[in-house]
Structures are given as structure tokens and as C-alpha cells.
């Protein structure tokens, strides 16, 4: 999965959650995305989520 696809999914997830973007959301977001896409490396998800938040 490309970084652009991950960025779109994480942005959509944050926007629909109703919460404000904070650094404390990093762990839950990474956990949710890694459960949805088990084939994507954890480091890639973390890197993209950190850049968004």
C-alpha cells in the first residue's frame, strides 16, 4: 500500500472520528490501521500517521 493511500485513509479516519488532531491519537490510529491492513509494515503506518498528526 502506498503512502498516499495510507494518508487518505488516516485523514478520513481522523475527520470522521469527531476528535481534534492531537499527538495522543497516534497510537490508536496506528492500531486501527494496522488491524485493517495486516500486510502493511507497522513502521510505514507509524511514519504516515505521525506526519499527519
N, C-alpha and C. Protein backbone atom coordinates (compact mmCIF):
# COMPACT_ATOMS: atom_id res chain seq x y z
N UNK A 1 0.86 -1.17 0.00
CA UNK A 1 0.00 0.00 0.00
C UNK A 1 0.90 1.23 0.00
N UNK A 2 0.55 2.20 -0.80
CA UNK A 2 1.39 3.38 -0.91
C UNK A 2 1.11 4.36 0.25
N UNK A 3 2.04 5.27 0.42
CA UNK A 3 1.90 6.27 1.48
C UNK A 3 0.71 7.18 1.23
N UNK A 4 0.42 7.45 -0.03
CA UNK A 4 -0.71 8.33 -0.37
C UNK A 4 -2.03 7.68 0.03
N UNK A 5 -2.17 6.39 -0.22
CA UNK A 5 -3.39 5.68 0.17
C UNK A 5 -3.53 5.65 1.69
N UNK A 6 -2.43 5.41 2.38
CA UNK A 6 -2.46 5.43 3.84
C UNK A 6 -2.83 6.80 4.36
N UNK A 7 -2.26 7.83 3.76
CA UNK A 7 -2.54 9.19 4.20
C UNK A 7 -4.02 9.53 4.03
N UNK A 8 -4.61 9.12 2.91
CA UNK A 8 -6.03 9.37 2.69
C UNK A 8 -6.90 8.63 3.70
N UNK A 9 -6.55 7.38 3.97
CA UNK A 9 -7.35 6.60 4.92
C UNK A 9 -7.24 7.16 6.34
N UNK A 10 -6.04 7.53 6.75
CA UNK A 10 -5.85 8.06 8.10
C UNK A 10 -6.53 9.42 8.24
N UNK A 11 -6.44 10.25 7.22
CA UNK A 11 -7.11 11.55 7.26
C UNK A 11 -8.62 11.37 7.37
N UNK A 12 -9.17 10.45 6.60
CA UNK A 12 -10.60 10.17 6.67
C UNK A 12 -10.99 9.66 8.04
N UNK A 13 -10.18 8.79 8.60
CA UNK A 13 -10.44 8.22 9.92
C UNK A 13 -10.43 9.31 11.00
N UNK A 14 -9.48 10.22 10.92
CA UNK A 14 -9.39 11.30 11.91
C UNK A 14 -10.56 12.26 11.75
N UNK A 15 -10.92 12.59 10.52
CA UNK A 15 -12.02 13.53 10.28
C UNK A 15 -13.36 12.97 10.72
N UNK A 16 -13.59 11.69 10.50
CA UNK A 16 -14.88 11.11 10.87
C UNK A 16 -14.96 10.73 12.34
N UNK A 17 -13.83 10.73 13.03
CA UNK A 17 -13.85 10.35 14.44
C UNK A 17 -14.51 11.41 15.31
N UNK A 18 -14.43 12.68 14.90
CA UNK A 18 -15.03 13.74 15.70
C UNK A 18 -14.08 14.32 16.73
N UNK A 19 -12.88 13.76 16.86
CA UNK A 19 -11.90 14.27 17.80
C UNK A 19 -10.96 15.24 17.10
N UNK A 20 -10.32 16.09 17.90
CA UNK A 20 -9.33 17.00 17.34
C UNK A 20 -8.03 16.26 17.11
N UNK A 21 -7.25 16.74 16.15
CA UNK A 21 -5.95 16.12 15.87
C UNK A 21 -5.00 16.43 17.02
N UNK A 22 -4.57 15.39 17.70
CA UNK A 22 -3.58 15.54 18.78
C UNK A 22 -2.56 14.43 18.66
N UNK A 23 -1.44 14.63 19.30
CA UNK A 23 -0.39 13.62 19.29
C UNK A 23 -0.81 12.36 20.05
N UNK A 24 -1.74 12.50 20.97
CA UNK A 24 -2.18 11.33 21.74
C UNK A 24 -3.03 10.37 20.91
N UNK A 25 -3.48 10.80 19.74
CA UNK A 25 -4.26 9.92 18.85
C UNK A 25 -3.37 9.01 18.03
N UNK A 26 -2.07 9.20 18.08
CA UNK A 26 -1.15 8.45 17.23
C UNK A 26 -1.24 6.95 17.45
N UNK A 27 -1.19 6.52 18.68
CA UNK A 27 -1.22 5.08 18.98
C UNK A 27 -2.54 4.43 18.56
N UNK A 28 -3.70 5.00 18.91
CA UNK A 28 -4.95 4.37 18.47
C UNK A 28 -5.12 4.33 16.96
N UNK A 29 -4.70 5.39 16.28
CA UNK A 29 -4.82 5.42 14.82
C UNK A 29 -3.94 4.34 14.19
N UNK A 30 -2.71 4.22 14.67
CA UNK A 30 -1.79 3.20 14.14
C UNK A 30 -2.36 1.82 14.41
N UNK A 31 -2.93 1.61 15.56
CA UNK A 31 -3.50 0.31 15.91
C UNK A 31 -4.68 -0.03 15.01
N UNK A 32 -5.56 0.93 14.76
CA UNK A 32 -6.73 0.68 13.91
C UNK A 32 -6.31 0.34 12.49
N UNK A 33 -5.40 1.15 11.94
CA UNK A 33 -4.98 0.93 10.55
C UNK A 33 -4.21 -0.38 10.42
N UNK A 34 -3.39 -0.71 11.41
CA UNK A 34 -2.63 -1.95 11.32
C UNK A 34 -3.53 -3.18 11.46
N UNK A 35 -4.66 -3.05 12.16
CA UNK A 35 -5.61 -4.16 12.21
C UNK A 35 -6.34 -4.32 10.89
N UNK A 36 -6.63 -3.21 10.23
CA UNK A 36 -7.32 -3.26 8.95
C UNK A 36 -6.43 -3.80 7.84
N UNK A 37 -5.15 -3.41 7.87
CA UNK A 37 -4.22 -3.78 6.81
C UNK A 37 -3.01 -4.48 7.43
N UNK A 38 -3.14 -5.76 7.63
CA UNK A 38 -2.08 -6.52 8.30
C UNK A 38 -0.86 -6.74 7.42
N UNK A 39 -1.01 -6.55 6.12
CA UNK A 39 0.11 -6.74 5.22
C UNK A 39 1.01 -5.51 5.11
N UNK A 40 0.58 -4.37 5.62
CA UNK A 40 1.37 -3.13 5.56
C UNK A 40 2.31 -3.10 6.76
N UNK A 41 3.58 -2.75 6.54
CA UNK A 41 4.54 -2.68 7.65
C UNK A 41 4.13 -1.64 8.70
N UNK A 42 4.35 -1.99 9.95
CA UNK A 42 3.98 -1.12 11.07
C UNK A 42 4.74 0.20 11.01
N UNK A 43 5.99 0.17 10.61
CA UNK A 43 6.80 1.39 10.53
C UNK A 43 6.24 2.36 9.50
N UNK A 44 5.73 1.85 8.40
CA UNK A 44 5.16 2.71 7.36
C UNK A 44 3.90 3.40 7.87
N UNK A 45 3.05 2.66 8.56
CA UNK A 45 1.83 3.24 9.12
C UNK A 45 2.17 4.30 10.15
N UNK A 46 3.13 4.00 11.01
CA UNK A 46 3.54 4.95 12.04
C UNK A 46 4.09 6.23 11.43
N UNK A 47 4.91 6.11 10.39
CA UNK A 47 5.54 7.26 9.74
C UNK A 47 4.47 8.17 9.13
N UNK A 48 3.50 7.59 8.43
CA UNK A 48 2.46 8.38 7.78
C UNK A 48 1.55 9.02 8.81
N UNK A 49 1.16 8.27 9.83
CA UNK A 49 0.28 8.81 10.87
C UNK A 49 0.97 9.95 11.63
N UNK A 50 2.23 9.81 11.89
CA UNK A 50 2.97 10.85 12.60
C UNK A 50 3.06 12.12 11.77
N UNK A 51 3.21 11.98 10.46
CA UNK A 51 3.28 13.16 9.60
C UNK A 51 1.95 13.89 9.53
N UNK A 52 0.84 13.17 9.66
CA UNK A 52 -0.48 13.79 9.62
C UNK A 52 -0.80 14.48 10.93
N UNK A 53 -0.49 13.81 12.03
CA UNK A 53 -0.83 14.36 13.34
C UNK A 53 0.27 15.29 13.80
